[in-house]
Amino acid sequence: MRVTASQLDADLISNLRDLYGWHSREMIASETQRHAVIEMMRERLDDERPAYLLVKETAKATSLSDYDVHVVLYQAIWRRELRIDLFSPLLMTKRLSSEREDPFERYASWFER
């Protein structure tokens, strides 16, 4: 099977490209803080407020900087610890939406023998 970029969802590609840039950044969050951030974000998925407000609230609640919450958030999405809709643009000015379709399932047939 031949695969071309046009067969991939453009928002998925853009989101994965952005997330990849955050996957190896260092953070000062402890493991306890990291888990707290992930759980707080998980509870707020599909909240109508934009993601940047959720980041600010979470930073205040966990005594982390906005930057460190961003690092934890993006790394959790990259590691699939926090499942968001990757087929919609991941923008801090928009809400975080729960995963509606698993990208691995959508493209699973590409990897079948």
PDB file of N, CA and C in Angstrom:
ATOM      1  N   MET A   1       0.838  -1.170   0.000  1.00  0.00           N
ATOM      2  CA  MET A   1       0.000   0.000   0.000  1.00  0.00           C
ATOM      3  C   MET A   1       0.890   1.242   0.000  1.00  0.00           C
ATOM      4  N   ARG A   2       0.586   2.147  -0.851  1.00  0.00           N
ATOM      5  CA  ARG A   2       1.320   3.408  -0.931  1.00  0.00           C
ATOM      6  C   ARG A   2       0.548   4.474  -0.150  1.00  0.00           C
ATOM      7  N   VAL A   3       1.259   5.210   0.700  1.00  0.00           N
ATOM      8  CA  VAL A   3       0.644   6.238   1.540  1.00  0.00           C
ATOM      9  C   VAL A   3       1.222   7.592   1.169  1.00  0.00           C
ATOM     10  N   THR A   4       0.346   8.577   1.045  1.00  0.00           N
ATOM     11  CA  THR A   4       0.792   9.942   0.767  1.00  0.00           C
ATOM     12  C   THR A   4       0.260  10.872   1.843  1.00  0.00           C
ATOM     13  N   ALA A   5       0.880  12.022   1.990  1.00  0.00           N
ATOM     14  CA  ALA A   5       0.476  12.997   3.004  1.00  0.00           C
ATOM     15  C   ALA A   5      -0.973  13.429   2.840  1.00  0.00           C
ATOM     16  N   SER A   6      -1.454  13.434   1.623  1.00  0.00           N
ATOM     17  CA  SER A   6      -2.835  13.864   1.386  1.00  0.00           C
ATOM     18  C   SER A   6      -3.856  12.901   1.996  1.00  0.00           C
ATOM     19  N   GLN A   7      -3.417  11.698   2.354  1.00  0.00           N
ATOM     20  CA  GLN A   7      -4.319  10.726   2.962  1.00  0.00           C
ATOM     21  C   GLN A   7      -4.431  10.904   4.473  1.00  0.00           C
ATOM     22  N   LEU A   8      -3.577  11.733   5.042  1.00  0.00           N
ATOM     23  CA  LEU A   8      -3.600  11.994   6.477  1.00  0.00           C
ATOM     24  C   LEU A   8      -4.396  13.254   6.766  1.00  0.00           C
ATOM     25  N   ASP A   9      -5.065  13.267   7.894  1.00  0.00           N
ATOM     26  CA  ASP A   9      -5.823  14.433   8.316  1.00  0.00           C
ATOM     27  C   ASP A   9      -4.858  15.591   8.614  1.00  0.00           C
ATOM     28  N   ALA A  10      -5.120  16.751   8.041  1.00  0.00           N
ATOM     29  CA  ALA A  10      -4.226  17.911   8.177  1.00  0.00           C
ATOM     30  C   ALA A  10      -4.125  18.385   9.624  1.00  0.00           C
ATOM     31  N   ASP A  11      -5.237  18.378  10.363  1.00  0.00           N
ATOM     32  CA  ASP A  11      -5.192  18.804  11.765  1.00  0.00           C
ATOM     33  C   ASP A  11      -4.392  17.816  12.606  1.00  0.00           C
ATOM     34  N   LEU A  12      -4.540  16.536  12.331  1.00  0.00           N
ATOM     35  CA  LEU A  12      -3.766  15.522  13.047  1.00  0.00           C
ATOM     36  C   LEU A  12      -2.275  15.743  12.821  1.00  0.00           C
ATOM     37  N   ILE A  13      -1.876  15.945  11.587  1.00  0.00           N
ATOM     38  CA  ILE A  13      -0.463  16.184  11.271  1.00  0.00           C
ATOM     39  C   ILE A  13       0.047  17.413  12.013  1.00  0.00           C
ATOM     40  N   SER A  14      -0.702  18.489  11.963  1.00  0.00           N
ATOM     41  CA  SER A  14      -0.299  19.731  12.620  1.00  0.00           C
ATOM     42  C   SER A  14      -0.175  19.544  14.132  1.00  0.00           C
ATOM     43  N   ASN A  15      -1.150  18.890  14.729  1.00  0.00           N
ATOM     44  CA  ASN A  15      -1.113  18.661  16.174  1.00  0.00           C
ATOM     45  C   ASN A  15       0.071  17.793  16.578  1.00  0.00           C
ATOM     46  N   LEU A  16       0.310  16.717  15.844  1.00  0.00           N
ATOM     47  CA  LEU A  16       1.436  15.842  16.177  1.00  0.00           C
ATOM     48  C   LEU A  16       2.768  16.565  16.010  1.00  0.00           C
ATOM     49  N   ARG A  17       2.872  17.391  14.995  1.00  0.00           N
ATOM     50  CA  ARG A  17       4.091  18.174  14.792  1.00  0.00           C
ATOM     51  C   ARG A  17       4.321  19.110  15.988  1.00  0.00           C
ATOM     52  N   ASP A  18       3.272  19.791  16.420  1.00  0.00           N
ATOM     53  CA  ASP A  18       3.392  20.694  17.567  1.00  0.00           C
ATOM     54  C   ASP A  18       3.715  19.932  18.849  1.00  0.00           C
ATOM     55  N   LEU A  19       3.030  18.831  19.083  1.00  0.00           N
ATOM     56  CA  LEU A  19       3.255  18.047  20.298  1.00  0.00           C
ATOM     57  C   LEU A  19       4.665  17.479  20.346  1.00  0.00           C
ATOM     58  N   TYR A  20       5.175  17.061  19.200  1.00  0.00           N
ATOM     59  CA  TYR A  20       6.521  16.491  19.154  1.00  0.00           C
ATOM     60  C   TYR A  20       7.554  17.498  19.660  1.00  0.00           C
ATOM     61  N   GLY A  21       7.339  18.754  19.382  1.00  0.00           N
ATOM     62  CA  GLY A  21       8.265  19.788  19.834  1.00  0.00           C
ATOM     63  C   GLY A  21       8.327  19.942  21.343  1.00  0.00           C
ATOM     64  N   TRP A  22       7.345  19.409  22.044  1.00  0.00           N
ATOM     65  CA  TRP A  22       7.293  19.522  23.507  1.00  0.00           C
ATOM     66  C   TRP A  22       7.682  18.227  24.212  1.00  0.00           C
ATOM     67  N   HIS A  23       7.788  17.124  23.497  1.00  0.00           N
ATOM     68  CA  HIS A  23       7.898  15.821  24.165  1.00  0.00           C
ATOM     69  C   HIS A  23       9.166  15.625  24.977  1.00  0.00           C
ATOM     70  N   SER A  24      10.235  16.330  24.665  1.00  0.00           N
ATOM     71  CA  SER A  24      11.479  16.131  25.419  1.00  0.00           C
ATOM     72  C   SER A  24      11.884  17.356  26.241  1.00  0.00           C
ATOM     73  N   ARG A  25      11.000  18.331  26.350  1.00  0.00           N
ATOM     74  CA  ARG A  25      11.329  19.513  27.159  1.00  0.00           C
ATOM     75  C   ARG A  25      11.353  19.142  28.632  1.00  0.00           C
ATOM     76  N   GLU A  26      12.277  19.778  29.335  1.00  0.00           N
ATOM     77  CA  GLU A  26      12.388  19.531  30.771  1.00  0.00           C
ATOM     78  C   GLU A  26      11.325  20.314  31.512  1.00  0.00           C
ATOM     79  N   MET A  27      10.903  19.747  32.623  1.00  0.00           N
ATOM     80  CA  MET A  27       9.950  20.442  33.478  1.00  0.00           C
ATOM     81  C   MET A  27      10.400  20.298  34.916  1.00  0.00           C
ATOM     82  N   ILE A  28       9.954  21.214  35.748  1.00  0.00           N
ATOM     83  CA  ILE A  28      10.340  21.140  37.152  1.00  0.00           C
ATOM     84  C   ILE A  28       9.252  20.487  38.003  1.00  0.00           C
ATOM     85  N   ALA A  29       8.177  20.068  37.388  1.00  0.00           N
ATOM     86  CA  ALA A  29       7.071  19.454  38.126  1.00  0.00           C
ATOM     87  C   ALA A  29       7.499  18.121  38.728  1.00  0.00           C
ATOM     88  N   SER A  30       7.103  17.918  39.983  1.00  0.00           N
ATOM     89  CA  SER A  30       7.328  16.617  40.610  1.00  0.00           C
ATOM     90  C   SER A  30       6.344  15.620  39.998  1.00  0.00           C
ATOM     91  N   GLU A  31       6.553  14.365  40.274  1.00  0.00           N
ATOM     92  CA  GLU A  31       5.636  13.345  39.755  1.00  0.00           C
ATOM     93  C   GLU A  31       4.226  13.563  40.309  1.00  0.00           C
ATOM     94  N   THR A  32       4.136  13.973  41.570  1.00  0.00           N
ATOM     95  CA  THR A  32       2.831  14.257  42.181  1.00  0.00           C
ATOM     96  C   THR A  32       2.148  15.419  41.479  1.00  0.00           C
ATOM     97  N   GLN A  33       2.902  16.487  41.205  1.00  0.00           N
ATOM     98  CA  GLN A  33       2.341  17.641  40.493  1.00  0.00           C
ATOM     99  C   GLN A  33       1.931  17.258  39.073  1.00  0.00           C
ATOM    100  N   ARG A  34       2.760  16.461  38.423  1.00  0.00           N
ATOM    101  CA  ARG A  34       2.460  16.032  37.054  1.00  0.00           C
ATOM    102  C   ARG A  34       1.134  15.276  37.006  1.00  0.00           C
ATOM    103  N   HIS A  35       0.961  14.348  37.930  1.00  0.00           N
ATOM    104  CA  HIS A  35      -0.292  13.586  37.974  1.00  0.00           C
ATOM    105  C   HIS A  35      -1.479  14.491  38.301  1.00  0.00           C
ATOM    106  N   ALA A  36      -1.260  15.465  39.182  1.00  0.00           N
ATOM    107  CA  ALA A  36      -2.335  16.408  39.528  1.00  0.00           C
ATOM    108  C   ALA A  36      -2.745  17.229  38.311  1.00  0.00           C
ATOM    109  N   VAL A  37      -1.765  17.696  37.538  1.00  0.00           N
ATOM    110  CA  VAL A  37      -2.063  18.474  36.328  1.00  0.00           C
ATOM    111  C   VAL A  37      -2.865  17.623  35.349  1.00  0.00           C
ATOM    112  N   ILE A  38      -2.422  16.406  35.120  1.00  0.00           N
ATOM    113  CA  ILE A  38      -3.113  15.529  34.169  1.00  0.00           C
ATOM    114  C   ILE A  38      -4.546  15.277  34.626  1.00  0.00           C
ATOM    115  N   GLU A  39      -4.724  14.997  35.915  1.00  0.00           N
ATOM    116  CA  GLU A  39      -6.074  14.722  36.417  1.00  0.00           C
ATOM    117  C   GLU A  39      -6.962  15.961  36.328  1.00  0.00           C
ATOM    118  N   MET A  40      -6.418  17.128  36.660  1.00  0.00           N
ATOM    119  CA  MET A  40      -7.204  18.364  36.565  1.00  0.00           C
ATOM    120  C   MET A  40      -7.613  18.635  35.121  1.00  0.00           C
ATOM    121  N   MET A  41      -6.704  18.422  34.192  1.00  0.00           N
ATOM    122  CA  MET A  41      -7.023  18.636  32.781  1.00  0.00           C
ATOM    123  C   MET A  41      -8.037  17.604  32.289  1.00  0.00           C
ATOM    124  N   ARG A  42      -7.892  16.376  32.735  1.00  0.00           N
ATOM    125  CA  ARG A  42      -8.835  15.322  32.339  1.00  0.00           C
ATOM    126  C   ARG A  42     -10.255  15.686  32.799  1.00  0.00           C
ATOM    127  N   GLU A  43     -10.365  16.202  34.021  1.00  0.00           N
ATOM    128  CA  GLU A  43     -11.670  16.594  34.556  1.00  0.00           C
ATOM    129  C   GLU A  43     -12.266  17.773  33.793  1.00  0.00           C
ATOM    130  N   ARG A  44     -11.409  18.573  33.162  1.00  0.00           N
ATOM    131  CA  ARG A  44     -11.878  19.778  32.480  1.00  0.00           C
ATOM    132  C   ARG A  44     -12.002  19.611  30.963  1.00  0.00           C
ATOM    133  N   LEU A  45     -11.760  18.432  30.455  1.00  0.00           N
ATOM    134  CA  LEU A  45     -11.968  18.207  29.024  1.00  0.00           C
ATOM    135  C   LEU A  45     -13.415  18.538  28.685  1.00  0.00           C
ATOM    136  N   ASP A  46     -13.610  19.153  27.562  1.00  0.00           N
ATOM    137  CA  ASP A  46     -14.930  19.552  27.067  1.00  0.00           C
ATOM    138  C   ASP A  46     -15.524  20.735  27.825  1.00  0.00           C
ATOM    139  N   ASP A  47     -14.748  21.330  28.737  1.00  0.00           N
ATOM    140  CA  ASP A  47     -15.162  22.576  29.382  1.00  0.00           C
ATOM    141  C   ASP A  47     -15.244  23.640  28.292  1.00  0.00           C
ATOM    142  N   GLU A  48     -16.167  24.537  28.391  1.00  0.00           N
ATOM    143  CA  GLU A  48     -16.349  25.557  27.352  1.00  0.00           C
ATOM    144  C   GLU A  48     -15.253  26.622  27.359  1.00  0.00           C
ATOM    145  N   ARG A  49     -14.524  26.721  28.453  1.00  0.00           N
ATOM    146  CA  ARG A  49     -13.477  27.748  28.541  1.00  0.00           C
ATOM    147  C   ARG A  49     -12.269  27.365  27.697  1.00  0.00           C
ATOM    148  N   PRO A  50     -11.551  28.370  27.189  1.00  0.00           N
ATOM    149  CA  PRO A  50     -10.364  28.071  26.385  1.00  0.00           C
ATOM    150  C   PRO A  50      -9.263  27.426  27.224  1.00  0.00           C
ATOM    151  N   ALA A  51      -8.426  26.676  26.552  1.00  0.00           N
ATOM    152  CA  ALA A  51      -7.363  25.916  27.218  1.00  0.00           C
ATOM    153  C   ALA A  51      -6.416  26.801  28.017  1.00  0.00           C
ATOM    154  N   TYR A  52      -6.128  28.014  27.530  1.00  0.00           N
ATOM    155  CA  TYR A  52      -5.179  28.855  28.262  1.00  0.00           C
ATOM    156  C   TYR A  52      -5.713  29.217  29.648  1.00  0.00           C
ATOM    157  N   LEU A  53      -7.036  29.349  29.812  1.00  0.00           N
ATOM    158  CA  LEU A  53      -7.596  29.613  31.138  1.00  0.00           C
ATOM    159  C   LEU A  53      -7.468  28.384  32.033  1.00  0.00           C
ATOM    160  N   LEU A  54      -7.649  27.211  31.463  1.00  0.00           N
ATOM    161  CA  LEU A  54      -7.477  25.977  32.229  1.00  0.00           C
ATOM    162  C   LEU A  54      -6.027  25.824  32.674  1.00  0.00           C
ATOM    163  N   VAL A  55      -5.100  26.203  31.799  1.00  0.00           N
ATOM    164  CA  VAL A  55      -3.672  26.153  32.143  1.00  0.00           C
ATOM    165  C   VAL A  55      -3.398  27.090  33.314  1.00  0.00           C
ATOM    166  N   LYS A  56      -3.914  28.307  33.257  1.00  0.00           N
ATOM    167  CA  LYS A  56      -3.694  29.280  34.329  1.00  0.00           C
ATOM    168  C   LYS A  56      -4.270  28.787  35.660  1.00  0.00           C
ATOM    169  N   GLU A  57      -5.484  28.265  35.632  1.00  0.00           N
ATOM    170  CA  GLU A  57      -6.111  27.743  36.848  1.00  0.00           C
ATOM    171  C   GLU A  57      -5.320  26.564  37.412  1.00  0.00           C
ATOM    172  N   THR A  58      -4.891  25.695  36.537  1.00  0.00           N
ATOM    173  CA  THR A  58      -4.137  24.517  36.961  1.00  0.00           C
ATOM    174  C   THR A  58      -2.780  24.924  37.523  1.00  0.00           C
ATOM    175  N   ALA A  59      -2.142  25.901  36.908  1.00  0.00           N
ATOM    176  CA  ALA A  59      -0.853  26.395  37.404  1.00  0.00           C
ATOM    177  C   ALA A  59      -1.009  26.945  38.819  1.00  0.00           C
ATOM    178  N   LYS A  60      -2.038  27.727  39.023  1.00  0.00           N
ATOM    179  CA  LYS A  60      -2.274  28.310  40.346  1.00  0.00           C
ATOM    180  C   LYS A  60      -2.544  27.216  41.380  1.00  0.00           C
ATOM    181  N   ALA A  61      -3.353  26.230  41.022  1.00  0.00           N
ATOM    182  CA  ALA A  61      -3.723  25.156  41.946  1.00  0.00           C
ATOM    183  C   ALA A  61      -2.558  24.237  42.290  1.00  0.00           C
ATOM    184  N   THR A  62      -1.592  24.119  41.386  1.00  0.00           N
ATOM    185  CA  THR A  62      -0.469  23.190  41.598  1.00  0.00           C
ATOM    186  C   THR A  62       0.838  23.897  41.940  1.00  0.00           C
ATOM    187  N   SER A  63       0.810  25.227  42.019  1.00  0.00           N
ATOM    188  CA  SER A  63       2.013  26.032  42.302  1.00  0.00           C
ATOM    189  C   SER A  63       3.096  25.852  41.244  1.00  0.00           C
ATOM    190  N   LEU A  64       2.681  25.628  40.022  1.00  0.00           N
ATOM    191  CA  LEU A  64       3.607  25.534  38.898  1.00  0.00           C
ATOM    192  C   LEU A  64       3.446  26.771  38.026  1.00  0.00           C
ATOM    193  N   SER A  65       4.418  27.011  37.171  1.00  0.00           N
ATOM    194  CA  SER A  65       4.293  28.104  36.207  1.00  0.00           C
ATOM    195  C   SER A  65       3.373  27.660  35.069  1.00  0.00           C
ATOM    196  N   ASP A  66       2.841  28.634  34.351  1.00  0.00           N
ATOM    197  CA  ASP A  66       2.031  28.311  33.168  1.00  0.00           C
ATOM    198  C   ASP A  66       2.844  27.451  32.202  1.00  0.00           C
ATOM    199  N   TYR A  67       4.122  27.804  32.048  1.00  0.00           N
ATOM    200  CA  TYR A  67       4.991  27.059  31.127  1.00  0.00           C
ATOM    201  C   TYR A  67       5.071  25.586  31.532  1.00  0.00           C
ATOM    202  N   ASP A  68       5.291  25.317  32.830  1.00  0.00           N
ATOM    203  CA  ASP A  68       5.420  23.926  33.269  1.00  0.00           C
ATOM    204  C   ASP A  68       4.113  23.155  33.089  1.00  0.00           C
ATOM    205  N   VAL A  69       2.988  23.821  33.284  1.00  0.00           N
ATOM    206  CA  VAL A  69       1.702  23.162  33.036  1.00  0.00           C
ATOM    207  C   VAL A  69       1.561  22.846  31.549  1.00  0.00           C
ATOM    208  N   HIS A  70       1.997  23.778  30.697  1.00  0.00           N
ATOM    209  CA  HIS A  70       1.982  23.510  29.251  1.00  0.00           C
ATOM    210  C   HIS A  70       2.830  22.278  28.925  1.00  0.00           C
ATOM    211  N   VAL A  71       4.017  22.208  29.507  1.00  0.00           N
ATOM    212  CA  VAL A  71       4.902  21.064  29.242  1.00  0.00           C
ATOM    213  C   VAL A  71       4.213  19.767  29.658  1.00  0.00           C
ATOM    214  N   VAL A  72       3.670  19.748  30.874  1.00  0.00           N
ATOM    215  CA  VAL A  72       2.988  18.542  31.355  1.00  0.00           C
ATOM    216  C   VAL A  72       1.808  18.201  30.448  1.00  0.00           C
ATOM    217  N   LEU A  73       1.023  19.206  30.095  1.00  0.00           N
ATOM    218  CA  LEU A  73      -0.153  18.996  29.244  1.00  0.00           C
ATOM    219  C   LEU A  73       0.230  18.390  27.902  1.00  0.00           C
ATOM    220  N   TYR A  74       1.160  19.018  27.210  1.00  0.00           N
ATOM    221  CA  TYR A  74       1.531  18.543  25.876  1.00  0.00           C
ATOM    222  C   TYR A  74       2.202  17.172  25.926  1.00  0.00           C
ATOM    223  N   GLN A  75       3.029  16.945  26.946  1.00  0.00           N
ATOM    224  CA  GLN A  75       3.657  15.631  27.059  1.00  0.00           C
ATOM    225  C   GLN A  75       2.626  14.552  27.388  1.00  0.00           C
ATOM    226  N   ALA A  76       1.641  14.887  28.205  1.00  0.00           N
ATOM    227  CA  ALA A  76       0.587  13.916  28.535  1.00  0.00           C
ATOM    228  C   ALA A  76      -0.245  13.577  27.297  1.00  0.00           C
ATOM    229  N   ILE A  77      -0.490  14.565  26.457  1.00  0.00           N
ATOM    230  CA  ILE A  77      -1.219  14.299  25.209  1.00  0.00           C
ATOM    231  C   ILE A  77      -0.362  13.430  24.299  1.00  0.00           C
ATOM    232  N   TRP A  78       0.917  13.775  24.164  1.00  0.00           N
ATOM    233  CA  TRP A  78       1.832  13.012  23.309  1.00  0.00           C
ATOM    234  C   TRP A  78       1.913  11.555  23.761  1.00  0.00           C
ATOM    235  N   ARG A  79       1.958  11.340  25.084  1.00  0.00           N
ATOM    236  CA  ARG A  79       2.084   9.984  25.638  1.00  0.00           C
ATOM    237  C   ARG A  79       0.739   9.263  25.744  1.00  0.00           C
ATOM    238  N   ARG A  80      -0.312   9.933  25.333  1.00  0.00           N
ATOM    239  CA  ARG A  80      -1.669   9.386  25.352  1.00  0.00           C
ATOM    240  C   ARG A  80      -2.173   9.137  26.765  1.00  0.00           C
ATOM    241  N   GLU A  81      -1.637   9.887  27.722  1.00  0.00           N
ATOM    242  CA  GLU A  81      -2.150   9.849  29.092  1.00  0.00           C
ATOM    243  C   GLU A  81      -3.384  10.739  29.206  1.00  0.00           C
ATOM    244  N   LEU A  82      -3.487  11.693  28.311  1.00  0.00           N
ATOM    245  CA  LEU A  82      -4.638  12.588  28.221  1.00  0.00           C
ATOM    246  C   LEU A  82      -5.118  12.515  26.779  1.00  0.00           C
ATOM    247  N   ARG A  83      -6.311  12.010  26.585  1.00  0.00           N
ATOM    248  CA  ARG A  83      -6.806  11.741  25.234  1.00  0.00           C
ATOM    249  C   ARG A  83      -7.713  12.877  24.774  1.00  0.00           C
ATOM    250  N   ILE A  84      -7.197  13.685  23.867  1.00  0.00           N
ATOM    251  CA  ILE A  84      -7.975  14.786  23.305  1.00  0.00           C
ATOM    252  C   ILE A  84      -8.262  14.502  21.835  1.00  0.00           C
ATOM    253  N   ASP A  85      -9.126  15.303  21.262  1.00  0.00           N
ATOM    254  CA  ASP A  85      -9.461  15.165  19.845  1.00  0.00           C
ATOM    255  C   ASP A  85      -8.318  15.720  18.997  1.00  0.00           C
ATOM    256  N   LEU A  86      -7.508  14.846  18.453  1.00  0.00           N
ATOM    257  CA  LEU A  86      -6.371  15.269  17.628  1.00  0.00           C
ATOM    258  C   LEU A  86      -6.773  15.578  16.194  1.00  0.00           C
ATOM    259  N   PHE A  87      -8.036  15.368  15.867  1.00  0.00           N
ATOM    260  CA  PHE A  87      -8.524  15.682  14.528  1.00  0.00           C
ATOM    261  C   PHE A  87      -9.130  17.085  14.458  1.00  0.00           C
ATOM    262  N   SER A  88      -8.979  17.835  15.542  1.00  0.00           N
ATOM    263  CA  SER A  88      -9.348  19.256  15.587  1.00  0.00           C
ATOM    264  C   SER A  88      -8.111  20.025  16.019  1.00  0.00           C
ATOM    265  N   PRO A  89      -7.967  21.272  15.590  1.00  0.00           N
ATOM    266  CA  PRO A  89      -6.770  22.036  15.956  1.00  0.00           C
ATOM    267  C   PRO A  89      -6.600  22.147  17.475  1.00  0.00           C
ATOM    268  N   LEU A  90      -5.394  21.893  17.948  1.00  0.00           N
ATOM    269  CA  LEU A  90      -5.052  22.058  19.359  1.00  0.00           C
ATOM    270  C   LEU A  90      -4.550  23.487  19.531  1.00  0.00           C
ATOM    271  N   LEU A  91      -5.436  24.349  19.979  1.00  0.00           N
ATOM    272  CA  LEU A  91      -5.123  25.765  20.148  1.00  0.00           C
ATOM    273  C   LEU A  91      -5.458  26.179  21.571  1.00  0.00           C
ATOM    274  N   MET A  92      -4.592  26.950  22.191  1.00  0.00           N
ATOM    275  CA  MET A  92      -4.823  27.391  23.559  1.00  0.00           C
ATOM    276  C   MET A  92      -5.994  28.365  23.667  1.00  0.00           C
ATOM    277  N   THR A  93      -6.410  28.938  22.557  1.00  0.00           N
ATOM    278  CA  THR A  93      -7.545  29.863  22.565  1.00  0.00           C
ATOM    279  C   THR A  93      -8.880  29.147  22.372  1.00  0.00           C
ATOM    280  N   LYS A  94      -8.832  27.830  22.228  1.00  0.00           N
ATOM    281  CA  LYS A  94     -10.040  27.014  22.053  1.00  0.00           C
ATOM    282  C   LYS A  94     -10.138  26.015  23.206  1.00  0.00           C
ATOM    283  N   ARG A  95     -11.287  25.423  23.357  1.00  0.00           N
ATOM    284  CA  ARG A  95     -11.461  24.429  24.417  1.00  0.00           C
ATOM    285  C   ARG A  95     -10.736  23.130  24.066  1.00  0.00           C
ATOM    286  N   LEU A  96     -10.447  22.329  25.087  1.00  0.00           N
ATOM    287  CA  LEU A  96      -9.873  21.000  24.889  1.00  0.00           C
ATOM    288  C   LEU A  96     -11.025  20.007  24.786  1.00  0.00           C
ATOM    289  N   SER A  97     -11.108  19.314  23.691  1.00  0.00           N
ATOM    290  CA  SER A  97     -12.194  18.357  23.465  1.00  0.00           C
ATOM    291  C   SER A  97     -11.699  16.928  23.644  1.00  0.00           C
ATOM    292  N   SER A  98     -12.540  16.103  24.220  1.00  0.00           N
ATOM    293  CA  SER A  98     -12.220  14.683  24.392  1.00  0.00           C
ATOM    294  C   SER A  98     -12.015  14.012  23.043  1.00  0.00           C
ATOM    295  N   GLU A  99     -11.215  12.970  23.068  1.00  0.00           N
ATOM    296  CA  GLU A  99     -10.969  12.201  21.852  1.00  0.00           C
ATOM    297  C   GLU A  99     -12.276  11.619  21.319  1.00  0.00           C
ATOM    298  N   ARG A 100     -12.518  11.838  20.055  1.00  0.00           N
ATOM    299  CA  ARG A 100     -13.713  11.297  19.409  1.00  0.00           C
ATOM    300  C   ARG A 100     -13.367  10.072  18.555  1.00  0.00           C
ATOM    301  N   GLU A 101     -12.139  10.048  18.089  1.00  0.00           N
ATOM    302  CA  GLU A 101     -11.679   8.926  17.267  1.00  0.00           C
ATOM    303  C   GLU A 101     -10.195   8.718  17.547  1.00  0.00           C
ATOM    304  N   ASP A 102      -9.826   7.479  17.768  1.00  0.00           N
ATOM    305  CA  ASP A 102      -8.434   7.133  18.037  1.00  0.00           C
ATOM    306  C   ASP A 102      -7.669   7.110  16.710  1.00  0.00           C
ATOM    307  N   PRO A 103      -6.627   7.943  16.576  1.00  0.00           N
ATOM    308  CA  PRO A 103      -5.858   7.953  15.321  1.00  0.00           C
ATOM    309  C   PRO A 103      -5.270   6.582  14.980  1.00  0.00           C
ATOM    310  N   PHE A 104      -4.875   5.819  16.003  1.00  0.00           N
ATOM    311  CA  PHE A 104      -4.329   4.490  15.747  1.00  0.00           C
ATOM    312  C   PHE A 104      -5.382   3.580  15.121  1.00  0.00           C
ATOM    313  N   GLU A 105      -6.616   3.730  15.557  1.00  0.00           N
ATOM    314  CA  GLU A 105      -7.680   2.908  14.982  1.00  0.00           C
ATOM    315  C   GLU A 105      -8.011   3.359  13.560  1.00  0.00           C
ATOM    316  N   ARG A 106      -8.037   4.678  13.344  1.00  0.00           N
ATOM    317  CA  ARG A 106      -8.363   5.170  11.999  1.00  0.00           C
ATOM    318  C   ARG A 106      -7.367   4.655  10.966  1.00  0.00           C
ATOM    319  N   TYR A 107      -6.090   4.630  11.327  1.00  0.00           N
ATOM    320  CA  TYR A 107      -5.053   4.264  10.366  1.00  0.00           C
ATOM    321  C   TYR A 107      -4.498   2.853  10.579  1.00  0.00           C
ATOM    322  N   ALA A 108      -5.157   2.052  11.399  1.00  0.00           N
ATOM    323  CA  ALA A 108      -4.674   0.696  11.702  1.00  0.00           C
ATOM    324  C   ALA A 108      -4.516  -0.163  10.454  1.00  0.00           C
ATOM    325  N   SER A 109      -5.406  -0.008   9.504  1.00  0.00           N
ATOM    326  CA  SER A 109      -5.346  -0.849   8.297  1.00  0.00           C
ATOM    327  C   SER A 109      -4.067  -0.613   7.501  1.00  0.00           C
ATOM    328  N   TRP A 110      -3.443   0.529   7.692  1.00  0.00           N
ATOM    329  CA  TRP A 110      -2.198   0.823   6.978  1.00  0.00           C
ATOM    330  C   TRP A 110      -1.060  -0.090   7.425  1.00  0.00           C
ATOM    331  N   PHE A 111      -1.203  -0.651   8.623  1.00  0.00           N
ATOM    332  CA  PHE A 111      -0.110  -1.430   9.196  1.00  0.00           C
ATOM    333  C   PHE A 111      -0.406  -2.926   9.223  1.00  0.00           C
ATOM    334  N   GLU A 112      -1.515  -3.317   8.633  1.00  0.00           N
ATOM    335  CA  GLU A 112      -1.855  -4.736   8.560  1.00  0.00           C
ATOM    336  C   GLU A 112      -1.027  -5.413   7.482  1.00  0.00           C
ATOM    337  N   ARG A 113      -0.793  -6.663   7.672  1.00  0.00           N
ATOM    338  CA  ARG A 113      -0.061  -7.446   6.670  1.00  0.00           C
ATOM    339  C   ARG A 113      -1.007  -8.294   5.890  1.00  0.00           C
TER     340      ARG A 113
END
